[in-house]
Amino acid sequence: MVIFFDKVAQGVGRVTREAIEQFGSISIFFWRVLLASPVTVKRFHLIVEQMMLLGVCSIPIVFLVSLFVGAISAWQVQYLFADAIPLTYLGAAVGKAVFTELGPVLTAIVVTGRVGAKLAAELGTMRVTEQIDALTCLSMDPYSYLLAPRMIAGVIMLPILTIFSSFFAIVSAQLLSQYALGLSGAAFYHGMKLLFKVQDVVVCLTKAFVFGGVISLSGCYYGFLTKGGAVGVGNSTKKAVVAAMVLILVSNLLVVSILL
């Protein structure tokens, strides 16, 4: 029995130590990226290039997901509250759900699968093929040349993608309400206006800003520190996506606790 508790204590201690080391490593990495950001701003074309690759190219998948999110939200709200509230309040319920939760969270998760994996795989391949070492040998700081542009682009573009996502979801919900549930567009938007608050938009954009930083930081961190060849690239990509999704849910709770 004593040996069992010793092993449990050792396991808990090892996990705790590794978690603290990981947090410290990510914090140092993030700080070095922040220090390199002023230099990166002078190379604005690198930021614009990453904004195009990470943000603009993600619009089609965000558009597709948003259409289904809006339609499903309207249908579920009608199914759950049909006997409790009038159908005219459908727009209010859908608007609250999309602005405060579904819009930023689902957009971030979808973008994680595309952008987070892309960043980790791209930087991981550059690491194992020694391209990053070559940049260092040429006296080019990889933090300002490779990492900071991707971080800045992620933080800028995810709020923009979230705005598009929320708009598409609301329009999709309104169209389904009009043609499947018989609720006119005027009644839908009037109901949404009844409970609309500017605070909802602030919460939505704040979440998107935080999620953009989380996704880009996770992808850059695990990709930049890749080891072990092709297998290492795969492991880094997996870790980046999983870590980003977990951090999205954790940061979502923190933002809601602070702002709502």
C-alpha atoms as a PDB file:
ATOM      1  CA  MET A   1       0.000   0.000   0.000  1.00  0.00           C
ATOM      2  CA  VAL A   2       2.823   2.410   0.855  1.00  0.00           C
ATOM      3  CA  ILE A   3       4.526   1.660  -2.462  1.00  0.00           C
ATOM      4  CA  PHE A   4       1.284   2.393  -4.311  1.00  0.00           C
ATOM      5  CA  PHE A   5       0.907   5.821  -2.687  1.00  0.00           C
ATOM      6  CA  ASP A   6       4.572   6.542  -3.367  1.00  0.00           C
ATOM      7  CA  LYS A   7       4.052   5.857  -7.055  1.00  0.00           C
ATOM      8  CA  VAL A   8       0.916   8.011  -7.119  1.00  0.00           C
ATOM      9  CA  ALA A   9       2.767  10.869  -5.425  1.00  0.00           C
ATOM     10  CA  GLN A  10       5.690  10.524  -7.836  1.00  0.00           C
ATOM     11  CA  GLY A  11       3.326  10.524 -10.819  1.00  0.00           C
ATOM     12  CA  VAL A  12       1.478  13.626  -9.610  1.00  0.00           C
ATOM     13  CA  GLY A  13       4.759  15.372  -8.887  1.00  0.00           C
ATOM     14  CA  ARG A  14       6.157  14.520 -12.317  1.00  0.00           C
ATOM     15  CA  VAL A  15       3.042  15.757 -14.124  1.00  0.00           C
ATOM     16  CA  THR A  16       3.020  18.949 -12.056  1.00  0.00           C
ATOM     17  CA  ARG A  17       6.704  19.612 -12.731  1.00  0.00           C
ATOM     18  CA  GLU A  18       6.265  19.023 -16.461  1.00  0.00           C
ATOM     19  CA  ALA A  19       3.221  21.321 -16.564  1.00  0.00           C
ATOM     20  CA  ILE A  20       5.154  24.116 -14.813  1.00  0.00           C
ATOM     21  CA  GLU A  21       8.124  23.643 -17.139  1.00  0.00           C
ATOM     22  CA  GLN A  22       5.836  23.722 -20.180  1.00  0.00           C
ATOM     23  CA  PHE A  23       4.107  26.895 -18.973  1.00  0.00           C
ATOM     24  CA  GLY A  24       7.465  28.557 -18.347  1.00  0.00           C
ATOM     25  CA  SER A  25       8.770  27.537 -21.766  1.00  0.00           C
ATOM     26  CA  ILE A  26       5.683  28.897 -23.547  1.00  0.00           C
ATOM     27  CA  SER A  27       5.861  32.134 -21.547  1.00  0.00           C
ATOM     28  CA  ILE A  28       9.508  32.695 -22.496  1.00  0.00           C
ATOM     29  CA  PHE A  29       8.718  31.889 -26.126  1.00  0.00           C
ATOM     30  CA  PHE A  30       5.804  34.348 -26.136  1.00  0.00           C
ATOM     31  CA  TRP A  31       7.951  37.052 -24.535  1.00  0.00           C
ATOM     32  CA  ARG A  32      10.652  36.648 -27.190  1.00  0.00           C
ATOM     33  CA  VAL A  33       8.021  36.939 -29.923  1.00  0.00           C
ATOM     34  CA  LEU A  34       6.729  40.137 -28.302  1.00  0.00           C
ATOM     35  CA  LEU A  35      10.228  41.585 -28.211  1.00  0.00           C
ATOM     36  CA  ALA A  36      10.664  40.796 -31.905  1.00  0.00           C
ATOM     37  CA  SER A  37       7.292  42.315 -32.925  1.00  0.00           C
ATOM     38  CA  PRO A  38       8.489  45.958 -33.270  1.00  0.00           C
ATOM     39  CA  VAL A  39      11.111  44.835 -35.776  1.00  0.00           C
ATOM     40  CA  THR A  40       8.509  42.791 -37.644  1.00  0.00           C
ATOM     41  CA  VAL A  41       6.205  45.794 -38.079  1.00  0.00           C
ATOM     42  CA  LYS A  42       8.897  47.337 -40.287  1.00  0.00           C
ATOM     43  CA  ARG A  43       8.543  44.260 -42.547  1.00  0.00           C
ATOM     44  CA  PHE A  44       4.828  44.796 -42.972  1.00  0.00           C
ATOM     45  CA  HIS A  45       4.713  42.775 -46.192  1.00  0.00           C
ATOM     46  CA  LEU A  46       5.426  39.627 -44.173  1.00  0.00           C
ATOM     47  CA  ILE A  47       2.418  40.323 -41.963  1.00  0.00           C
ATOM     48  CA  VAL A  48       0.167  40.998 -44.958  1.00  0.00           C
ATOM     49  CA  GLU A  49       1.297  37.748 -46.576  1.00  0.00           C
ATOM     50  CA  GLN A  50       0.412  35.771 -43.455  1.00  0.00           C
ATOM     51  CA  MET A  51      -2.904  37.603 -43.105  1.00  0.00           C
ATOM     52  CA  MET A  52      -3.737  36.453 -46.609  1.00  0.00           C
ATOM     53  CA  LEU A  53      -2.717  32.842 -45.975  1.00  0.00           C
ATOM     54  CA  LEU A  54      -4.200  32.498 -42.493  1.00  0.00           C
ATOM     55  CA  GLY A  55      -7.258  34.709 -42.749  1.00  0.00           C
ATOM     56  CA  VAL A  56      -8.508  35.369 -46.268  1.00  0.00           C
ATOM     57  CA  CYS A  57      -7.960  31.783 -47.379  1.00  0.00           C
ATOM     58  CA  SER A  58     -10.006  30.581 -44.376  1.00  0.00           C
ATOM     59  CA  ILE A  59     -13.147  32.489 -45.378  1.00  0.00           C
ATOM     60  CA  PRO A  60     -14.682  29.666 -47.511  1.00  0.00           C
ATOM     61  CA  ILE A  61     -14.577  27.076 -44.715  1.00  0.00           C
ATOM     62  CA  VAL A  62     -15.771  29.665 -42.163  1.00  0.00           C
ATOM     63  CA  PHE A  63     -18.637  30.589 -44.490  1.00  0.00           C
ATOM     64  CA  LEU A  64     -19.693  26.955 -44.920  1.00  0.00           C
ATOM     65  CA  VAL A  65     -19.596  26.178 -41.200  1.00  0.00           C
ATOM     66  CA  SER A  66     -21.436  29.406 -40.311  1.00  0.00           C
ATOM     67  CA  LEU A  67     -24.333  28.582 -42.609  1.00  0.00           C
ATOM     68  CA  PHE A  68     -24.967  25.308 -40.815  1.00  0.00           C
ATOM     69  CA  VAL A  69     -24.358  26.819 -37.354  1.00  0.00           C
ATOM     70  CA  GLY A  70     -26.971  29.529 -37.933  1.00  0.00           C
ATOM     71  CA  ALA A  71     -29.552  27.152 -39.388  1.00  0.00           C
ATOM     72  CA  ILE A  72     -29.084  24.565 -36.636  1.00  0.00           C
ATOM     73  CA  SER A  73     -29.222  27.261 -33.943  1.00  0.00           C
ATOM     74  CA  ALA A  74     -32.558  28.563 -35.219  1.00  0.00           C
ATOM     75  CA  TRP A  75     -34.008  25.066 -35.496  1.00  0.00           C
ATOM     76  CA  GLN A  76     -32.843  24.018 -32.022  1.00  0.00           C
ATOM     77  CA  VAL A  77     -34.109  27.208 -30.371  1.00  0.00           C
ATOM     78  CA  GLN A  78     -37.504  26.740 -32.024  1.00  0.00           C
ATOM     79  CA  TYR A  79     -37.600  23.083 -30.911  1.00  0.00           C
ATOM     80  CA  LEU A  80     -36.586  23.782 -27.305  1.00  0.00           C
ATOM     81  CA  PHE A  81     -38.653  26.912 -26.621  1.00  0.00           C
ATOM     82  CA  ALA A  82     -41.619  26.573 -28.980  1.00  0.00           C
ATOM     83  CA  ASP A  83     -44.019  25.963 -26.071  1.00  0.00           C
ATOM     84  CA  ALA A  84     -42.402  28.473 -23.700  1.00  0.00           C
ATOM     85  CA  ILE A  85     -41.860  31.702 -25.641  1.00  0.00           C
ATOM     86  CA  PRO A  86     -43.398  33.236 -28.767  1.00  0.00           C
ATOM     87  CA  LEU A  87     -41.659  32.580 -32.080  1.00  0.00           C
ATOM     88  CA  THR A  88     -40.977  36.317 -32.402  1.00  0.00           C
ATOM     89  CA  TYR A  89     -38.237  35.957 -29.775  1.00  0.00           C
ATOM     90  CA  LEU A  90     -36.389  33.442 -31.953  1.00  0.00           C
ATOM     91  CA  GLY A  91     -34.080  36.153 -33.317  1.00  0.00           C
ATOM     92  CA  ALA A  92     -33.175  37.305 -29.799  1.00  0.00           C
ATOM     93  CA  ALA A  93     -32.167  33.803 -28.686  1.00  0.00           C
ATOM     94  CA  VAL A  94     -30.199  33.080 -31.857  1.00  0.00           C
ATOM     95  CA  GLY A  95     -28.451  36.462 -31.713  1.00  0.00           C
ATOM     96  CA  LYS A  96     -27.360  35.944 -28.108  1.00  0.00           C
ATOM     97  CA  ALA A  97     -26.083  32.438 -28.831  1.00  0.00           C
ATOM     98  CA  VAL A  98     -24.180  33.428 -31.963  1.00  0.00           C
ATOM     99  CA  PHE A  99     -22.586  36.602 -30.612  1.00  0.00           C
ATOM    100  CA  THR A 100     -21.540  35.309 -27.197  1.00  0.00           C
ATOM    101  CA  GLU A 101     -20.638  31.663 -27.866  1.00  0.00           C
ATOM    102  CA  LEU A 102     -21.192  29.958 -31.191  1.00  0.00           C
ATOM    103  CA  GLY A 103     -19.639  32.616 -33.414  1.00  0.00           C
ATOM    104  CA  PRO A 104     -16.226  33.050 -31.746  1.00  0.00           C
ATOM    105  CA  VAL A 105     -15.826  29.532 -30.328  1.00  0.00           C
ATOM    106  CA  LEU A 106     -16.773  27.493 -33.398  1.00  0.00           C
ATOM    107  CA  THR A 107     -14.856  29.832 -35.686  1.00  0.00           C
ATOM    108  CA  ALA A 108     -11.777  29.399 -33.508  1.00  0.00           C
ATOM    109  CA  ILE A 109     -12.104  25.608 -33.494  1.00  0.00           C
ATOM    110  CA  VAL A 110     -12.501  25.478 -37.281  1.00  0.00           C
ATOM    111  CA  VAL A 111      -9.565  27.827 -37.796  1.00  0.00           C
ATOM    112  CA  THR A 112      -7.487  25.730 -35.384  1.00  0.00           C
ATOM    113  CA  GLY A 113      -7.889  22.702 -37.627  1.00  0.00           C
ATOM    114  CA  ARG A 114      -6.700  24.680 -40.624  1.00  0.00           C
ATOM    115  CA  VAL A 115      -4.360  27.391 -39.357  1.00  0.00           C
ATOM    116  CA  GLY A 116      -2.959  25.807 -36.194  1.00  0.00           C
ATOM    117  CA  ALA A 117      -2.056  22.620 -38.028  1.00  0.00           C
ATOM    118  CA  LYS A 118      -0.613  24.614 -40.946  1.00  0.00           C
ATOM    119  CA  LEU A 119       1.630  26.704 -38.705  1.00  0.00           C
ATOM    120  CA  ALA A 120       2.935  23.702 -36.773  1.00  0.00           C
ATOM    121  CA  ALA A 121       3.560  21.599 -39.895  1.00  0.00           C
ATOM    122  CA  GLU A 122       5.163  24.463 -41.815  1.00  0.00           C
ATOM    123  CA  LEU A 123       7.514  25.549 -39.053  1.00  0.00           C
ATOM    124  CA  GLY A 124       8.202  21.964 -38.047  1.00  0.00           C
ATOM    125  CA  THR A 125       9.267  21.098 -41.585  1.00  0.00           C
ATOM    126  CA  MET A 126      11.507  24.160 -41.674  1.00  0.00           C
ATOM    127  CA  ARG A 127      13.069  23.052 -38.390  1.00  0.00           C
ATOM    128  CA  VAL A 128      13.797  19.444 -39.360  1.00  0.00           C
ATOM    129  CA  THR A 129      15.148  20.475 -42.794  1.00  0.00           C
ATOM    130  CA  GLU A 130      17.452  22.996 -41.038  1.00  0.00           C
ATOM    131  CA  GLN A 131      15.996  26.025 -42.811  1.00  0.00           C
ATOM    132  CA  ILE A 132      15.613  27.830 -39.465  1.00  0.00           C
ATOM    133  CA  ASP A 133      19.248  27.060 -38.637  1.00  0.00           C
ATOM    134  CA  ALA A 134      20.218  28.508 -42.008  1.00  0.00           C
ATOM    135  CA  LEU A 135      18.368  31.751 -41.195  1.00  0.00           C
ATOM    136  CA  THR A 136      20.239  31.974 -37.896  1.00  0.00           C
ATOM    137  CA  CYS A 137      23.559  31.458 -39.688  1.00  0.00           C
ATOM    138  CA  LEU A 138      22.644  34.343 -42.012  1.00  0.00           C
ATOM    139  CA  SER A 139      22.095  36.580 -38.940  1.00  0.00           C
ATOM    140  CA  MET A 140      18.326  36.679 -39.512  1.00  0.00           C
ATOM    141  CA  ASP A 141      16.273  36.426 -36.333  1.00  0.00           C
ATOM    142  CA  PRO A 142      13.657  33.676 -36.851  1.00  0.00           C
ATOM    143  CA  TYR A 143      11.467  35.257 -34.154  1.00  0.00           C
ATOM    144  CA  SER A 144      11.053  38.488 -36.115  1.00  0.00           C
ATOM    145  CA  TYR A 145      11.160  36.903 -39.581  1.00  0.00           C
ATOM    146  CA  LEU A 146       9.035  33.764 -39.091  1.00  0.00           C
ATOM    147  CA  LEU A 147       7.140  33.796 -35.799  1.00  0.00           C
ATOM    148  CA  ALA A 148       6.048  37.367 -35.093  1.00  0.00           C
ATOM    149  CA  PRO A 149       4.366  37.844 -38.528  1.00  0.00           C
ATOM    150  CA  ARG A 150       2.304  34.700 -37.972  1.00  0.00           C
ATOM    151  CA  MET A 151       1.365  35.720 -34.433  1.00  0.00           C
ATOM    152  CA  ILE A 152       0.344  39.232 -35.458  1.00  0.00           C
ATOM    153  CA  ALA A 153      -1.624  37.946 -38.457  1.00  0.00           C
ATOM    154  CA  GLY A 154      -3.493  35.430 -36.294  1.00  0.00           C
ATOM    155  CA  VAL A 155      -4.456  38.038 -33.704  1.00  0.00           C
ATOM    156  CA  ILE A 156      -5.672  40.449 -36.407  1.00  0.00           C
ATOM    157  CA  MET A 157      -7.500  38.031 -38.677  1.00  0.00           C
ATOM    158  CA  LEU A 158      -9.479  35.879 -36.234  1.00  0.00           C
ATOM    159  CA  PRO A 159     -11.686  38.776 -35.046  1.00  0.00           C
ATOM    160  CA  ILE A 160     -12.344  39.628 -38.702  1.00  0.00           C
ATOM    161  CA  LEU A 161     -13.227  36.014 -39.462  1.00  0.00           C
ATOM    162  CA  THR A 162     -15.495  35.969 -36.411  1.00  0.00           C
ATOM    163  CA  ILE A 163     -17.359  39.034 -37.701  1.00  0.00           C
ATOM    164  CA  PHE A 164     -17.927  37.288 -41.035  1.00  0.00           C
ATOM    165  CA  SER A 165     -18.921  34.085 -39.248  1.00  0.00           C
ATOM    166  CA  SER A 166     -21.473  35.803 -37.010  1.00  0.00           C
ATOM    167  CA  PHE A 167     -22.978  37.662 -39.973  1.00  0.00           C
ATOM    168  CA  PHE A 168     -23.301  34.504 -42.068  1.00  0.00           C
ATOM    169  CA  ALA A 169     -24.804  32.587 -39.131  1.00  0.00           C
ATOM    170  CA  ILE A 170     -27.425  35.276 -38.426  1.00  0.00           C
ATOM    171  CA  VAL A 171     -28.435  35.475 -42.100  1.00  0.00           C
ATOM    172  CA  SER A 172     -28.628  31.687 -42.309  1.00  0.00           C
ATOM    173  CA  ALA A 173     -30.822  31.536 -39.197  1.00  0.00           C
ATOM    174  CA  GLN A 174     -33.107  34.256 -40.576  1.00  0.00           C
ATOM    175  CA  LEU A 175     -33.521  32.479 -43.917  1.00  0.00           C
ATOM    176  CA  LEU A 176     -34.371  29.173 -42.238  1.00  0.00           C
ATOM    177  CA  SER A 177     -36.808  30.934 -39.912  1.00  0.00           C
ATOM    178  CA  GLN A 178     -38.510  32.614 -42.842  1.00  0.00           C
ATOM    179  CA  TYR A 179     -38.808  29.692 -45.243  1.00  0.00           C
ATOM    180  CA  ALA A 180     -39.105  26.752 -42.818  1.00  0.00           C
ATOM    181  CA  LEU A 181     -40.776  28.233 -39.741  1.00  0.00           C
ATOM    182  CA  GLY A 182     -42.878  30.977 -41.317  1.00  0.00           C
ATOM    183  CA  LEU A 183     -41.310  33.852 -39.356  1.00  0.00           C
ATOM    184  CA  SER A 184     -40.807  36.984 -41.438  1.00  0.00           C
ATOM    185  CA  GLY A 185     -37.417  38.622 -41.664  1.00  0.00           C
ATOM    186  CA  ALA A 186     -38.728  41.819 -40.062  1.00  0.00           C
ATOM    187  CA  ALA A 187     -40.048  39.893 -37.047  1.00  0.00           C
ATOM    188  CA  PHE A 188     -36.784  37.939 -36.726  1.00  0.00           C
ATOM    189  CA  TYR A 189     -34.560  41.032 -36.674  1.00  0.00           C
ATOM    190  CA  HIS A 190     -37.007  42.939 -34.449  1.00  0.00           C
ATOM    191  CA  GLY A 191     -36.816  40.111 -31.920  1.00  0.00           C
ATOM    192  CA  MET A 192     -33.023  40.100 -32.114  1.00  0.00           C
ATOM    193  CA  LYS A 193     -32.970  43.866 -31.484  1.00  0.00           C
ATOM    194  CA  LEU A 194     -35.020  43.515 -28.301  1.00  0.00           C
ATOM    195  CA  LEU A 195     -32.236  41.806 -26.308  1.00  0.00           C
ATOM    196  CA  PHE A 196     -29.223  43.063 -28.239  1.00  0.00           C
ATOM    197  CA  LYS A 197     -26.446  44.678 -26.188  1.00  0.00           C
ATOM    198  CA  VAL A 198     -23.177  46.231 -27.287  1.00  0.00           C
ATOM    199  CA  GLN A 199     -21.566  44.149 -24.548  1.00  0.00           C
ATOM    200  CA  ASP A 200     -22.348  41.022 -26.573  1.00  0.00           C
ATOM    201  CA  VAL A 201     -20.246  42.318 -29.464  1.00  0.00           C
ATOM    202  CA  VAL A 202     -17.448  43.317 -27.084  1.00  0.00           C
ATOM    203  CA  VAL A 203     -17.412  39.818 -25.603  1.00  0.00           C
ATOM    204  CA  CYS A 204     -17.451  38.275 -29.088  1.00  0.00           C
ATOM    205  CA  LEU A 205     -14.492  40.307 -30.349  1.00  0.00           C
ATOM    206  CA  THR A 206     -12.538  39.916 -27.107  1.00  0.00           C
ATOM    207  CA  LYS A 207     -12.889  36.157 -27.323  1.00  0.00           C
ATOM    208  CA  ALA A 208     -11.830  36.209 -30.978  1.00  0.00           C
ATOM    209  CA  PHE A 209      -8.764  38.311 -30.140  1.00  0.00           C
ATOM    210  CA  VAL A 210      -7.712  35.914 -27.363  1.00  0.00           C
ATOM    211  CA  PHE A 211      -8.433  32.831 -29.482  1.00  0.00           C
ATOM    212  CA  GLY A 212      -6.356  34.228 -32.354  1.00  0.00           C
ATOM    213  CA  GLY A 213      -3.395  34.618 -30.034  1.00  0.00           C
ATOM    214  CA  VAL A 214      -3.890  31.147 -28.565  1.00  0.00           C
ATOM    215  CA  ILE A 215      -4.091  29.434 -31.985  1.00  0.00           C
ATOM    216  CA  SER A 216      -1.075  31.195 -33.484  1.00  0.00           C
ATOM    217  CA  LEU A 217       1.007  30.824 -30.311  1.00  0.00           C
ATOM    218  CA  SER A 218       0.284  27.103 -30.051  1.00  0.00           C
ATOM    219  CA  GLY A 219       1.052  26.432 -33.714  1.00  0.00           C
ATOM    220  CA  CYS A 220       4.244  28.505 -33.695  1.00  0.00           C
ATOM    221  CA  TYR A 221       5.521  27.125 -30.390  1.00  0.00           C
ATOM    222  CA  TYR A 222       5.152  23.428 -31.151  1.00  0.00           C
ATOM    223  CA  GLY A 223       6.238  23.835 -34.765  1.00  0.00           C
ATOM    224  CA  PHE A 224       9.323  25.879 -33.930  1.00  0.00           C
ATOM    225  CA  LEU A 225      10.549  23.362 -31.334  1.00  0.00           C
ATOM    226  CA  THR A 226       9.987  20.280 -33.491  1.00  0.00           C
ATOM    227  CA  LYS A 227      12.445  17.398 -33.142  1.00  0.00           C
ATOM    228  CA  GLY A 228      12.672  13.962 -34.714  1.00  0.00           C
ATOM    229  CA  GLY A 229      12.211  14.328 -38.468  1.00  0.00           C
ATOM    230  CA  ALA A 230       8.913  13.549 -40.181  1.00  0.00           C
ATOM    231  CA  VAL A 231       7.519  11.799 -37.100  1.00  0.00           C
ATOM    232  CA  GLY A 232       8.355  14.857 -35.040  1.00  0.00           C
ATOM    233  CA  VAL A 233       6.465  17.097 -37.471  1.00  0.00           C
ATOM    234  CA  GLY A 234       3.382  14.916 -37.101  1.00  0.00           C
ATOM    235  CA  ASN A 235       3.648  14.932 -33.314  1.00  0.00           C
ATOM    236  CA  SER A 236       4.101  18.718 -33.243  1.00  0.00           C
ATOM    237  CA  THR A 237       1.049  19.220 -35.426  1.00  0.00           C
ATOM    238  CA  LYS A 238      -1.028  16.963 -33.188  1.00  0.00           C
ATOM    239  CA  LYS A 239       0.139  18.712 -30.019  1.00  0.00           C
ATOM    240  CA  ALA A 240      -0.487  22.159 -31.498  1.00  0.00           C
ATOM    241  CA  VAL A 241      -4.076  21.394 -32.473  1.00  0.00           C
ATOM    242  CA  VAL A 242      -4.953  19.635 -29.210  1.00  0.00           C
ATOM    243  CA  ALA A 243      -3.328  22.332 -27.067  1.00  0.00           C
ATOM    244  CA  ALA A 244      -5.053  25.119 -29.003  1.00  0.00           C
ATOM    245  CA  MET A 245      -8.497  23.530 -28.614  1.00  0.00           C
ATOM    246  CA  VAL A 246      -8.023  22.991 -24.884  1.00  0.00           C
ATOM    247  CA  LEU A 247      -6.748  26.556 -24.408  1.00  0.00           C
ATOM    248  CA  ILE A 248      -9.679  27.919 -26.423  1.00  0.00           C
ATOM    249  CA  LEU A 249     -12.143  26.299 -24.021  1.00  0.00           C
ATOM    250  CA  VAL A 250     -10.183  27.433 -20.957  1.00  0.00           C
ATOM    251  CA  SER A 251      -9.765  31.015 -22.176  1.00  0.00           C
ATOM    252  CA  ASN A 252     -13.450  31.068 -23.191  1.00  0.00           C
ATOM    253  CA  LEU A 253     -14.418  30.370 -19.582  1.00  0.00           C
ATOM    254  CA  LEU A 254     -12.007  33.030 -18.305  1.00  0.00           C
ATOM    255  CA  VAL A 255     -13.276  35.717 -20.676  1.00  0.00           C
ATOM    256  CA  VAL A 256     -16.897  34.939 -19.852  1.00  0.00           C
ATOM    257  CA  SER A 257     -16.141  35.029 -16.122  1.00  0.00           C
ATOM    258  CA  ILE A 258     -14.492  38.441 -16.450  1.00  0.00           C
ATOM    259  CA  LEU A 259     -16.776  40.211 -18.929  1.00  0.00           C
ATOM    260  CA  LEU A 260     -20.220  38.746 -18.188  1.00  0.00           C
END
